[in-house]
Amino acid sequence: MARRNQHSREELQGLAIQAVRDLVAEQGLEKLSVRKVADRIGYTAGMLYHVFSNLDDLILQANADTLTQLLGDMNETPAPSPRQQLHHMAQVYVAMAREQTALWKMVFMHQMQNGAQVPSWYLEKTAELFARVESRMAELAKHQAPEQIHLAARTLWGSVHGIAMLAADDKLVVAGDVDEQAMMESLLQHYLNSWSGK
């Protein structure tokens, strides 16, 4: 492993963020520490504190990478209509919950230490997802007021998130072993039909 004089600040950030992602995927968020991240990349914990404010900062930076991946995958669709785009977005969301469960959960389960405020840059990142849902729902029902679009986007995606969480935890057996994609398609079909007045 190269030592500190062989990595720029940006390279060290990248190494540490990837180490967070690897450690959480292997051991879970509850076992993560700055020391473990430092050990994984061959640096001291003190050196990481020159690059990141604290463990929260490290986790939020790793979560930002997960959100970037999620939003990028959601963009990869030739679907022409807002309804089809929403279906694709939900499929990607549930697939990530199934395939990258630990990283997906870290985005939603991490709690800031000592009641610290979530930084504005991270709130802007998480808002991108809802902004995309809102824009497509606005296209489906142009007569709706902005506050109703805002509410509907969060109501719909909260329901998609619930299905994704059940899938991630393998809890769908309590619903009669129904396929999560079938549940999600049913949710979207009925909600969007009602929303668009069809």
N, C-alpha and C. Protein backbone atom coordinates (compact mmCIF):
# COMPACT_ATOMS: atom_id res chain seq x y z
N MET A 1 0.85 -1.20 0.00
CA MET A 1 0.00 0.00 0.00
C MET A 1 0.88 1.24 0.00
N ALA A 2 0.59 2.17 -0.88
CA ALA A 2 1.34 3.43 -0.93
C ALA A 2 1.10 4.22 0.35
N ARG A 3 2.11 4.99 0.76
CA ARG A 3 1.97 5.77 1.97
C ARG A 3 1.51 7.20 1.65
N ARG A 4 1.38 8.01 2.69
CA ARG A 4 0.74 9.32 2.58
C ARG A 4 1.37 10.22 1.54
N ASN A 5 2.71 10.16 1.34
CA ASN A 5 3.33 11.05 0.37
C ASN A 5 3.12 10.59 -1.06
N GLN A 6 2.45 9.47 -1.23
CA GLN A 6 2.20 8.95 -2.58
C GLN A 6 0.74 9.16 -3.02
N HIS A 7 -0.06 9.77 -2.17
CA HIS A 7 -1.45 10.03 -2.52
C HIS A 7 -1.77 11.51 -2.31
N SER A 8 -2.48 12.07 -3.27
CA SER A 8 -2.98 13.43 -3.07
C SER A 8 -4.16 13.39 -2.12
N ARG A 9 -4.60 14.56 -1.68
CA ARG A 9 -5.76 14.63 -0.80
C ARG A 9 -6.98 13.99 -1.46
N GLU A 10 -7.19 14.27 -2.75
CA GLU A 10 -8.34 13.73 -3.47
C GLU A 10 -8.23 12.21 -3.60
N GLU A 11 -7.02 11.71 -3.85
CA GLU A 11 -6.84 10.25 -3.94
C GLU A 11 -7.11 9.59 -2.60
N LEU A 12 -6.65 10.21 -1.52
CA LEU A 12 -6.89 9.66 -0.19
C LEU A 12 -8.38 9.64 0.13
N GLN A 13 -9.08 10.71 -0.27
CA GLN A 13 -10.54 10.74 -0.07
C GLN A 13 -11.19 9.56 -0.80
N GLY A 14 -10.78 9.35 -2.04
CA GLY A 14 -11.35 8.26 -2.82
C GLY A 14 -11.07 6.90 -2.21
N LEU A 15 -9.84 6.69 -1.74
CA LEU A 15 -9.49 5.42 -1.09
C LEU A 15 -10.34 5.19 0.16
N ALA A 16 -10.49 6.24 0.96
CA ALA A 16 -11.24 6.11 2.21
C ALA A 16 -12.72 5.84 1.95
N ILE A 17 -13.28 6.54 0.99
CA ILE A 17 -14.70 6.33 0.66
C ILE A 17 -14.93 4.91 0.16
N GLN A 18 -14.04 4.42 -0.68
CA GLN A 18 -14.20 3.05 -1.16
C GLN A 18 -14.04 2.06 -0.03
N ALA A 19 -13.13 2.35 0.92
CA ALA A 19 -12.96 1.47 2.07
C ALA A 19 -14.23 1.44 2.92
N VAL A 20 -14.87 2.59 3.11
CA VAL A 20 -16.15 2.62 3.83
C VAL A 20 -17.16 1.71 3.14
N ARG A 21 -17.28 1.84 1.84
CA ARG A 21 -18.25 1.04 1.08
C ARG A 21 -17.94 -0.45 1.23
N ASP A 22 -16.66 -0.81 1.13
CA ASP A 22 -16.27 -2.21 1.25
C ASP A 22 -16.53 -2.75 2.65
N LEU A 23 -16.15 -1.98 3.66
CA LEU A 23 -16.32 -2.44 5.04
C LEU A 23 -17.80 -2.59 5.41
N VAL A 24 -18.63 -1.64 4.97
CA VAL A 24 -20.06 -1.73 5.28
C VAL A 24 -20.68 -2.93 4.56
N ALA A 25 -20.28 -3.17 3.32
CA ALA A 25 -20.79 -4.32 2.59
C ALA A 25 -20.38 -5.64 3.26
N GLU A 26 -19.18 -5.65 3.85
CA GLU A 26 -18.67 -6.87 4.47
C GLU A 26 -19.16 -7.07 5.90
N GLN A 27 -19.22 -5.98 6.69
CA GLN A 27 -19.42 -6.11 8.13
C GLN A 27 -20.64 -5.37 8.67
N GLY A 28 -21.25 -4.50 7.86
CA GLY A 28 -22.39 -3.73 8.32
C GLY A 28 -21.99 -2.38 8.88
N LEU A 29 -22.93 -1.45 8.88
CA LEU A 29 -22.68 -0.08 9.32
C LEU A 29 -22.32 0.00 10.79
N GLU A 30 -22.93 -0.83 11.61
CA GLU A 30 -22.74 -0.72 13.06
C GLU A 30 -21.30 -1.01 13.49
N LYS A 31 -20.53 -1.69 12.67
CA LYS A 31 -19.14 -2.02 13.03
C LYS A 31 -18.13 -1.07 12.40
N LEU A 32 -18.60 -0.09 11.69
CA LEU A 32 -17.70 0.83 11.00
C LEU A 32 -17.06 1.82 11.98
N SER A 33 -15.78 2.10 11.79
CA SER A 33 -15.08 3.12 12.58
C SER A 33 -14.01 3.77 11.70
N VAL A 34 -13.58 4.96 12.10
CA VAL A 34 -12.51 5.63 11.37
C VAL A 34 -11.24 4.79 11.41
N ARG A 35 -10.97 4.17 12.53
CA ARG A 35 -9.76 3.34 12.65
C ARG A 35 -9.80 2.18 11.66
N LYS A 36 -10.95 1.53 11.52
CA LYS A 36 -11.04 0.42 10.57
C LYS A 36 -10.82 0.90 9.14
N VAL A 37 -11.34 2.06 8.81
CA VAL A 37 -11.14 2.61 7.48
C VAL A 37 -9.66 2.91 7.27
N ALA A 38 -9.04 3.53 8.26
CA ALA A 38 -7.62 3.86 8.16
C ALA A 38 -6.77 2.59 8.01
N ASP A 39 -7.06 1.58 8.80
CA ASP A 39 -6.31 0.32 8.71
C ASP A 39 -6.46 -0.30 7.33
N ARG A 40 -7.67 -0.22 6.77
CA ARG A 40 -7.93 -0.84 5.46
C ARG A 40 -7.06 -0.22 4.37
N ILE A 41 -6.80 1.07 4.46
CA ILE A 41 -6.05 1.74 3.39
C ILE A 41 -4.60 2.05 3.78
N GLY A 42 -4.17 1.60 4.97
CA GLY A 42 -2.78 1.75 5.35
C GLY A 42 -2.38 3.13 5.83
N TYR A 43 -3.32 3.86 6.42
CA TYR A 43 -3.04 5.18 6.98
C TYR A 43 -3.41 5.18 8.45
N THR A 44 -3.05 6.24 9.14
CA THR A 44 -3.47 6.39 10.53
C THR A 44 -4.84 7.07 10.57
N ALA A 45 -5.55 6.83 11.67
CA ALA A 45 -6.84 7.51 11.85
C ALA A 45 -6.65 9.02 11.88
N GLY A 46 -5.55 9.46 12.50
CA GLY A 46 -5.27 10.90 12.56
C GLY A 46 -5.13 11.52 11.19
N MET A 47 -4.54 10.78 10.25
CA MET A 47 -4.40 11.31 8.90
C MET A 47 -5.77 11.50 8.24
N LEU A 48 -6.69 10.58 8.51
CA LEU A 48 -8.02 10.72 7.92
C LEU A 48 -8.75 11.93 8.47
N TYR A 49 -8.47 12.29 9.73
CA TYR A 49 -9.11 13.47 10.29
C TYR A 49 -8.60 14.78 9.69
N HIS A 50 -7.53 14.70 8.90
CA HIS A 50 -7.08 15.87 8.14
C HIS A 50 -7.87 16.02 6.85
N VAL A 51 -8.55 14.94 6.45
CA VAL A 51 -9.27 14.92 5.17
C VAL A 51 -10.78 14.94 5.38
N PHE A 52 -11.26 14.30 6.44
CA PHE A 52 -12.68 14.24 6.76
C PHE A 52 -12.91 14.82 8.16
N SER A 53 -14.04 15.44 8.37
CA SER A 53 -14.34 16.05 9.67
C SER A 53 -14.46 15.01 10.77
N ASN A 54 -15.13 13.90 10.44
CA ASN A 54 -15.41 12.86 11.42
C ASN A 54 -16.00 11.66 10.69
N LEU A 55 -16.45 10.67 11.46
CA LEU A 55 -17.04 9.47 10.84
C LEU A 55 -18.30 9.82 10.06
N ASP A 56 -19.10 10.74 10.57
CA ASP A 56 -20.30 11.17 9.84
C ASP A 56 -19.94 11.65 8.44
N ASP A 57 -18.91 12.47 8.35
CA ASP A 57 -18.49 13.01 7.07
C ASP A 57 -18.10 11.89 6.12
N LEU A 58 -17.35 10.91 6.62
CA LEU A 58 -16.96 9.76 5.81
C LEU A 58 -18.18 9.01 5.28
N ILE A 59 -19.13 8.76 6.17
CA ILE A 59 -20.33 8.01 5.79
C ILE A 59 -21.15 8.79 4.77
N LEU A 60 -21.32 10.09 4.99
CA LEU A 60 -22.11 10.90 4.06
C LEU A 60 -21.46 10.94 2.68
N GLN A 61 -20.13 11.00 2.65
CA GLN A 61 -19.44 11.00 1.36
C GLN A 61 -19.65 9.67 0.64
N ALA A 62 -19.61 8.56 1.39
CA ALA A 62 -19.87 7.25 0.79
C ALA A 62 -21.32 7.15 0.33
N ASN A 63 -22.23 7.68 1.13
CA ASN A 63 -23.65 7.68 0.74
C ASN A 63 -23.87 8.50 -0.53
N ALA A 64 -23.14 9.59 -0.66
CA ALA A 64 -23.27 10.42 -1.85
C ALA A 64 -22.87 9.62 -3.09
N ASP A 65 -21.84 8.78 -2.97
CA ASP A 65 -21.45 7.92 -4.09
C ASP A 65 -22.57 6.94 -4.44
N THR A 66 -23.22 6.38 -3.41
CA THR A 66 -24.33 5.45 -3.65
C THR A 66 -25.48 6.16 -4.34
N LEU A 67 -25.80 7.37 -3.90
CA LEU A 67 -26.88 8.14 -4.52
C LEU A 67 -26.53 8.50 -5.97
N THR A 68 -25.27 8.82 -6.22
CA THR A 68 -24.84 9.13 -7.59
C THR A 68 -25.03 7.92 -8.49
N GLN A 69 -24.67 6.75 -7.99
CA GLN A 69 -24.87 5.51 -8.74
C GLN A 69 -26.36 5.26 -8.99
N LEU A 70 -27.16 5.43 -7.96
CA LEU A 70 -28.60 5.21 -8.07
C LEU A 70 -29.21 6.14 -9.11
N LEU A 71 -28.90 7.42 -9.03
CA LEU A 71 -29.46 8.40 -9.96
C LEU A 71 -28.96 8.14 -11.37
N GLY A 72 -27.71 7.73 -11.51
CA GLY A 72 -27.19 7.41 -12.83
C GLY A 72 -27.90 6.22 -13.45
N ASP A 73 -28.13 5.18 -12.65
CA ASP A 73 -28.85 4.01 -13.15
C ASP A 73 -30.29 4.36 -13.52
N MET A 74 -30.88 5.26 -12.77
CA MET A 74 -32.25 5.68 -13.08
C MET A 74 -32.32 6.42 -14.41
N ASN A 75 -31.25 7.09 -14.77
CA ASN A 75 -31.21 7.84 -16.03
C ASN A 75 -31.08 6.95 -17.25
N GLU A 76 -30.59 5.73 -17.05
CA GLU A 76 -30.29 4.84 -18.16
C GLU A 76 -31.56 4.14 -18.64
N THR A 77 -32.43 4.90 -19.27
CA THR A 77 -33.65 4.33 -19.83
C THR A 77 -34.09 5.11 -21.06
N PRO A 78 -34.49 4.39 -22.10
CA PRO A 78 -35.02 5.07 -23.28
C PRO A 78 -36.53 5.32 -23.16
N ALA A 79 -37.10 5.03 -21.99
CA ALA A 79 -38.55 5.15 -21.81
C ALA A 79 -39.02 6.54 -22.21
N PRO A 80 -39.97 6.62 -23.12
CA PRO A 80 -40.40 7.92 -23.62
C PRO A 80 -41.39 8.67 -22.73
N SER A 81 -42.14 7.96 -21.92
CA SER A 81 -43.20 8.63 -21.17
C SER A 81 -42.83 8.78 -19.70
N PRO A 82 -43.38 9.79 -19.02
CA PRO A 82 -43.12 9.95 -17.59
C PRO A 82 -43.52 8.72 -16.78
N ARG A 83 -44.62 8.09 -17.15
CA ARG A 83 -45.08 6.90 -16.43
C ARG A 83 -44.06 5.77 -16.55
N GLN A 84 -43.56 5.54 -17.77
CA GLN A 84 -42.56 4.50 -17.97
C GLN A 84 -41.25 4.82 -17.25
N GLN A 85 -40.91 6.11 -17.21
CA GLN A 85 -39.70 6.52 -16.51
C GLN A 85 -39.83 6.26 -15.00
N LEU A 86 -40.99 6.53 -14.44
CA LEU A 86 -41.22 6.26 -13.03
C LEU A 86 -41.14 4.76 -12.73
N HIS A 87 -41.68 3.96 -13.63
CA HIS A 87 -41.59 2.50 -13.46
C HIS A 87 -40.13 2.06 -13.46
N HIS A 88 -39.35 2.61 -14.39
CA HIS A 88 -37.92 2.26 -14.46
C HIS A 88 -37.20 2.70 -13.19
N MET A 89 -37.47 3.90 -12.72
CA MET A 89 -36.82 4.41 -11.51
C MET A 89 -37.12 3.50 -10.32
N ALA A 90 -38.36 3.07 -10.20
CA ALA A 90 -38.73 2.20 -9.08
C ALA A 90 -38.05 0.84 -9.20
N GLN A 91 -37.95 0.31 -10.42
CA GLN A 91 -37.27 -0.97 -10.62
C GLN A 91 -35.81 -0.89 -10.20
N VAL A 92 -35.15 0.21 -10.58
CA VAL A 92 -33.75 0.41 -10.21
C VAL A 92 -33.60 0.51 -8.70
N TYR A 93 -34.52 1.22 -8.07
CA TYR A 93 -34.48 1.42 -6.62
C TYR A 93 -34.61 0.10 -5.87
N VAL A 94 -35.58 -0.71 -6.27
CA VAL A 94 -35.78 -2.00 -5.61
C VAL A 94 -34.62 -2.94 -5.91
N ALA A 95 -34.10 -2.89 -7.13
CA ALA A 95 -32.96 -3.75 -7.49
C ALA A 95 -31.74 -3.42 -6.64
N MET A 96 -31.47 -2.14 -6.41
CA MET A 96 -30.34 -1.78 -5.56
C MET A 96 -30.56 -2.27 -4.13
N ALA A 97 -31.78 -2.17 -3.64
CA ALA A 97 -32.08 -2.65 -2.29
C ALA A 97 -31.78 -4.14 -2.16
N ARG A 98 -32.05 -4.90 -3.21
CA ARG A 98 -31.80 -6.34 -3.21
C ARG A 98 -30.32 -6.67 -3.40
N GLU A 99 -29.66 -5.96 -4.32
CA GLU A 99 -28.32 -6.34 -4.77
C GLU A 99 -27.20 -5.67 -3.99
N GLN A 100 -27.45 -4.48 -3.45
CA GLN A 100 -26.43 -3.76 -2.66
C GLN A 100 -27.06 -3.33 -1.34
N THR A 101 -27.60 -4.29 -0.64
CA THR A 101 -28.44 -4.02 0.53
C THR A 101 -27.74 -3.15 1.57
N ALA A 102 -26.52 -3.49 1.94
CA ALA A 102 -25.83 -2.76 3.01
C ALA A 102 -25.61 -1.30 2.64
N LEU A 103 -25.19 -1.06 1.41
CA LEU A 103 -24.94 0.32 0.98
C LEU A 103 -26.25 1.09 0.83
N TRP A 104 -27.27 0.43 0.30
CA TRP A 104 -28.58 1.06 0.15
C TRP A 104 -29.14 1.44 1.52
N LYS A 105 -29.03 0.53 2.48
CA LYS A 105 -29.54 0.81 3.82
C LYS A 105 -28.76 1.93 4.50
N MET A 106 -27.46 2.00 4.25
CA MET A 106 -26.65 3.01 4.91
C MET A 106 -27.14 4.42 4.58
N VAL A 107 -27.65 4.61 3.36
CA VAL A 107 -28.18 5.92 2.96
C VAL A 107 -29.32 6.33 3.88
N PHE A 108 -30.14 5.38 4.31
CA PHE A 108 -31.35 5.69 5.06
C PHE A 108 -31.23 5.44 6.57
N MET A 109 -30.27 4.61 6.97
CA MET A 109 -30.20 4.23 8.38
C MET A 109 -29.21 5.06 9.18
N HIS A 110 -28.28 5.70 8.51
CA HIS A 110 -27.26 6.44 9.25
C HIS A 110 -27.87 7.62 10.01
N GLN A 111 -27.51 7.73 11.28
CA GLN A 111 -27.94 8.85 12.11
C GLN A 111 -26.72 9.68 12.48
N MET A 112 -26.82 10.98 12.32
CA MET A 112 -25.71 11.87 12.66
C MET A 112 -25.42 11.77 14.16
N GLN A 113 -24.15 11.79 14.52
CA GLN A 113 -23.75 11.68 15.92
C GLN A 113 -24.01 12.99 16.67
N ASN A 114 -24.38 12.82 17.94
CA ASN A 114 -24.57 13.97 18.85
C ASN A 114 -25.56 15.01 18.33
N GLY A 115 -26.55 14.55 17.57
CA GLY A 115 -27.58 15.46 17.07
C GLY A 115 -27.09 16.48 16.08
N ALA A 116 -25.96 16.21 15.41
CA ALA A 116 -25.41 17.15 14.43
C ALA A 116 -26.37 17.31 13.25
N GLN A 117 -26.33 18.49 12.64
CA GLN A 117 -27.17 18.77 11.49
C GLN A 117 -26.59 18.12 10.23
N VAL A 118 -27.47 17.62 9.40
CA VAL A 118 -27.03 17.08 8.10
C VAL A 118 -26.61 18.27 7.24
N PRO A 119 -25.42 18.22 6.62
CA PRO A 119 -24.95 19.37 5.84
C PRO A 119 -25.82 19.63 4.62
N SER A 120 -25.85 20.88 4.20
CA SER A 120 -26.72 21.28 3.10
C SER A 120 -26.36 20.59 1.78
N TRP A 121 -25.07 20.34 1.55
CA TRP A 121 -24.67 19.71 0.29
C TRP A 121 -25.28 18.31 0.18
N TYR A 122 -25.41 17.63 1.34
CA TYR A 122 -25.97 16.28 1.31
C TYR A 122 -27.49 16.32 1.15
N LEU A 123 -28.13 17.27 1.78
CA LEU A 123 -29.58 17.43 1.61
C LEU A 123 -29.92 17.72 0.15
N GLU A 124 -29.08 18.51 -0.50
CA GLU A 124 -29.29 18.80 -1.93
C GLU A 124 -29.16 17.54 -2.76
N LYS A 125 -28.23 16.67 -2.38
CA LYS A 125 -28.03 15.42 -3.11
C LYS A 125 -29.25 14.51 -2.96
N THR A 126 -29.75 14.36 -1.75
CA THR A 126 -30.91 13.50 -1.55
C THR A 126 -32.16 14.08 -2.18
N ALA A 127 -32.22 15.41 -2.28
CA ALA A 127 -33.39 16.06 -2.89
C ALA A 127 -33.48 15.79 -4.39
N GLU A 128 -32.35 15.42 -5.01
CA GLU A 128 -32.36 15.16 -6.45
C GLU A 128 -33.34 14.05 -6.81
N LEU A 129 -33.40 13.02 -5.97
CA LEU A 129 -34.30 11.90 -6.26
C LEU A 129 -35.74 12.36 -6.29
N PHE A 130 -36.16 13.09 -5.25
CA PHE A 130 -37.54 13.56 -5.20
C PHE A 130 -37.83 14.57 -6.30
N ALA A 131 -36.84 15.36 -6.67
CA ALA A 131 -37.05 16.32 -7.75
C ALA A 131 -37.37 15.59 -9.05
N ARG A 132 -36.70 14.48 -9.29
CA ARG A 132 -36.96 13.71 -10.51
C ARG A 132 -38.36 13.09 -10.49
N VAL A 133 -38.74 12.57 -9.32
CA VAL A 133 -40.09 11.99 -9.21
C VAL A 133 -41.13 13.09 -9.40
N GLU A 134 -40.91 14.23 -8.76
CA GLU A 134 -41.87 15.34 -8.87
C GLU A 134 -42.03 15.80 -10.32
N SER A 135 -40.93 15.92 -11.05
CA SER A 135 -41.02 16.43 -12.42
C SER A 135 -41.83 15.50 -13.30
N ARG A 136 -41.69 14.20 -13.10
CA ARG A 136 -42.44 13.25 -13.93
C ARG A 136 -43.91 13.20 -13.51
N MET A 137 -44.17 13.34 -12.22
CA MET A 137 -45.56 13.36 -11.78
C MET A 137 -46.25 14.64 -12.22
N ALA A 138 -45.51 15.72 -12.29
CA ALA A 138 -46.08 16.98 -12.79
C ALA A 138 -46.48 16.84 -14.25
N GLU A 139 -45.69 16.11 -15.02
CA GLU A 139 -46.02 15.89 -16.43
C GLU A 139 -47.28 15.06 -16.59
N LEU A 140 -47.53 14.16 -15.64
CA LEU A 140 -48.70 13.30 -15.73
C LEU A 140 -49.99 14.02 -15.34
N ALA A 141 -49.88 15.06 -14.52
CA ALA A 141 -51.07 15.78 -14.05
C ALA A 141 -50.72 17.26 -13.94
N LYS A 142 -50.72 17.93 -15.05
CA LYS A 142 -50.27 19.32 -15.10
C LYS A 142 -51.22 20.26 -14.36
N HIS A 143 -52.42 19.79 -14.10
CA HIS A 143 -53.39 20.65 -13.41
C HIS A 143 -53.16 20.70 -11.89
N GLN A 144 -52.31 19.80 -11.38
CA GLN A 144 -52.11 19.72 -9.94
C GLN A 144 -51.25 20.89 -9.44
N ALA A 145 -51.56 21.37 -8.25
CA ALA A 145 -50.80 22.44 -7.62
C ALA A 145 -49.43 21.91 -7.16
N PRO A 146 -48.42 22.78 -7.12
CA PRO A 146 -47.07 22.34 -6.72
C PRO A 146 -47.03 21.62 -5.38
N GLU A 147 -47.84 22.09 -4.41
CA GLU A 147 -47.80 21.44 -3.11
C GLU A 147 -48.39 20.02 -3.17
N GLN A 148 -49.35 19.81 -4.06
CA GLN A 148 -49.91 18.48 -4.23
C GLN A 148 -48.92 17.55 -4.94
N ILE A 149 -48.18 18.08 -5.90
CA ILE A 149 -47.15 17.30 -6.58
C ILE A 149 -46.07 16.91 -5.59
N HIS A 150 -45.67 17.85 -4.76
CA HIS A 150 -44.66 17.61 -3.72
C HIS A 150 -45.09 16.47 -2.80
N LEU A 151 -46.33 16.54 -2.34
CA LEU A 151 -46.86 15.52 -1.44
C LEU A 151 -46.98 14.17 -2.14
N ALA A 152 -47.52 14.17 -3.35
CA ALA A 152 -47.74 12.92 -4.07
C ALA A 152 -46.43 12.20 -4.37
N ALA A 153 -45.40 12.96 -4.74
CA ALA A 153 -44.10 12.36 -5.04
C ALA A 153 -43.55 11.64 -3.82
N ARG A 154 -43.69 12.24 -2.65
CA ARG A 154 -43.17 11.64 -1.43
C ARG A 154 -44.05 10.49 -0.95
N THR A 155 -45.34 10.60 -1.19
CA THR A 155 -46.23 9.49 -0.84
C THR A 155 -45.94 8.27 -1.69
N LEU A 156 -45.81 8.49 -2.99
CA LEU A 156 -45.54 7.38 -3.90
C LEU A 156 -44.18 6.76 -3.57
N TRP A 157 -43.16 7.61 -3.42
CA TRP A 157 -41.82 7.04 -3.22
C TRP A 157 -41.67 6.44 -1.83
N GLY A 158 -42.41 6.94 -0.87
CA GLY A 158 -42.41 6.30 0.44
C GLY A 158 -42.94 4.88 0.35
N SER A 159 -43.93 4.67 -0.51
CA SER A 159 -44.50 3.33 -0.70
C SER A 159 -43.52 2.43 -1.45
N VAL A 160 -42.86 2.97 -2.48
CA VAL A 160 -41.83 2.21 -3.19
C VAL A 160 -40.72 1.81 -2.21
N HIS A 161 -40.34 2.75 -1.34
CA HIS A 161 -39.29 2.47 -0.35
C HIS A 161 -39.71 1.35 0.59
N GLY A 162 -40.96 1.34 0.99
CA GLY A 162 -41.44 0.27 1.87
C GLY A 162 -41.31 -1.09 1.22
N ILE A 163 -41.66 -1.20 -0.06
CA ILE A 163 -41.51 -2.47 -0.78
C ILE A 163 -40.03 -2.84 -0.88
N ALA A 164 -39.19 -1.84 -1.18
CA ALA A 164 -37.75 -2.10 -1.28
C ALA A 164 -37.18 -2.58 0.04
N MET A 165 -37.62 -2.00 1.15
CA MET A 165 -37.13 -2.40 2.46
C MET A 165 -37.54 -3.83 2.79
N LEU A 166 -38.78 -4.18 2.49
CA LEU A 166 -39.23 -5.56 2.70
C LEU A 166 -38.42 -6.53 1.86
N ALA A 167 -38.13 -6.14 0.62
CA ALA A 167 -37.33 -6.99 -0.26
C ALA A 167 -35.92 -7.13 0.28
N ALA A 168 -35.33 -6.03 0.72
CA ALA A 168 -33.95 -6.05 1.23
C ALA A 168 -33.83 -6.94 2.45
N ASP A 169 -34.86 -6.96 3.30
CA ASP A 169 -34.83 -7.75 4.53
C ASP A 169 -35.42 -9.14 4.36
N ASP A 170 -35.76 -9.51 3.11
CA ASP A 170 -36.39 -10.81 2.84
C ASP A 170 -37.63 -11.03 3.70
N LYS A 171 -38.43 -9.99 3.84
CA LYS A 171 -39.64 -10.06 4.66
C LYS A 171 -40.91 -10.20 3.83
N LEU A 172 -40.77 -10.34 2.52
CA LEU A 172 -41.97 -10.41 1.69
C LEU A 172 -42.74 -11.71 1.89
N VAL A 173 -42.12 -12.69 2.54
CA VAL A 173 -42.83 -13.93 2.82
C VAL A 173 -44.05 -13.67 3.69
N VAL A 174 -44.00 -12.62 4.52
CA VAL A 174 -45.15 -12.31 5.36
C VAL A 174 -46.32 -11.80 4.53
N ALA A 175 -46.03 -11.36 3.30
CA ALA A 175 -47.09 -10.91 2.40
C ALA A 175 -47.54 -12.03 1.47
N GLY A 176 -47.17 -13.25 1.79
CA GLY A 176 -47.59 -14.37 0.96
C GLY A 176 -46.60 -14.67 -0.15
N ASP A 177 -45.32 -14.31 0.07
CA ASP A 177 -44.26 -14.58 -0.89
C ASP A 177 -44.57 -13.99 -2.27
N VAL A 178 -45.04 -12.75 -2.28
CA VAL A 178 -45.33 -12.04 -3.53
C VAL A 178 -44.05 -11.40 -4.04
N ASP A 179 -43.83 -11.47 -5.34
CA ASP A 179 -42.64 -10.87 -5.95
C ASP A 179 -42.67 -9.36 -5.77
N GLU A 180 -41.52 -8.78 -5.36
CA GLU A 180 -41.49 -7.34 -5.09
C GLU A 180 -41.72 -6.50 -6.35
N GLN A 181 -41.28 -7.01 -7.48
CA GLN A 181 -41.50 -6.25 -8.72
C GLN A 181 -42.98 -6.22 -9.07
N ALA A 182 -43.69 -7.33 -8.82
CA ALA A 182 -45.14 -7.36 -9.07
C ALA A 182 -45.86 -6.40 -8.13
N MET A 183 -45.44 -6.34 -6.87
CA MET A 183 -46.04 -5.41 -5.92
C MET A 183 -45.81 -3.97 -6.35
N MET A 184 -44.58 -3.70 -6.76
CA MET A 184 -44.24 -2.34 -7.17
C MET A 184 -45.00 -1.92 -8.41
N GLU A 185 -45.13 -2.84 -9.37
CA GLU A 185 -45.88 -2.52 -10.59
C GLU A 185 -47.35 -2.25 -10.27
N SER A 186 -47.92 -3.04 -9.36
CA SER A 186 -49.31 -2.82 -8.96
C SER A 186 -49.47 -1.47 -8.28
N LEU A 187 -48.56 -1.14 -7.38
CA LEU A 187 -48.59 0.16 -6.70
C LEU A 187 -48.55 1.31 -7.69
N LEU A 188 -47.58 1.27 -8.60
CA LEU A 188 -47.42 2.36 -9.56
C LEU A 188 -48.61 2.48 -10.49
N GLN A 189 -49.09 1.34 -10.97
CA GLN A 189 -50.22 1.37 -11.89
C GLN A 189 -51.44 2.04 -11.26
N HIS A 190 -51.79 1.60 -10.06
CA HIS A 190 -53.00 2.12 -9.44
C HIS A 190 -52.82 3.56 -8.94
N TYR A 191 -51.67 3.86 -8.37
CA TYR A 191 -51.45 5.22 -7.87
C TYR A 191 -51.40 6.21 -9.02
N LEU A 192 -50.65 5.87 -10.06
CA LEU A 192 -50.49 6.82 -11.17
C LEU A 192 -51.77 6.95 -11.98
N ASN A 193 -52.56 5.88 -12.08
CA ASN A 193 -53.87 5.99 -12.75
C ASN A 193 -54.75 6.97 -12.00
N SER A 194 -54.77 6.86 -10.69
CA SER A 194 -55.58 7.78 -9.88
C SER A 194 -55.03 9.19 -9.99
N TRP A 195 -53.72 9.34 -9.94
CA TRP A 195 -53.08 10.64 -9.97
C TRP A 195 -53.34 11.38 -11.29
N SER A 196 -53.28 10.63 -12.38
CA SER A 196 -53.44 11.25 -13.71
C SER A 196 -54.89 11.31 -14.15
N GLY A 197 -55.81 10.76 -13.32
CA GLY A 197 -57.23 10.83 -13.65
C GLY A 197 -57.68 9.81 -14.66
N LYS A 198 -56.96 8.69 -14.76
CA LYS A 198 -57.36 7.65 -15.72
C LYS A 198 -58.11 6.54 -15.03
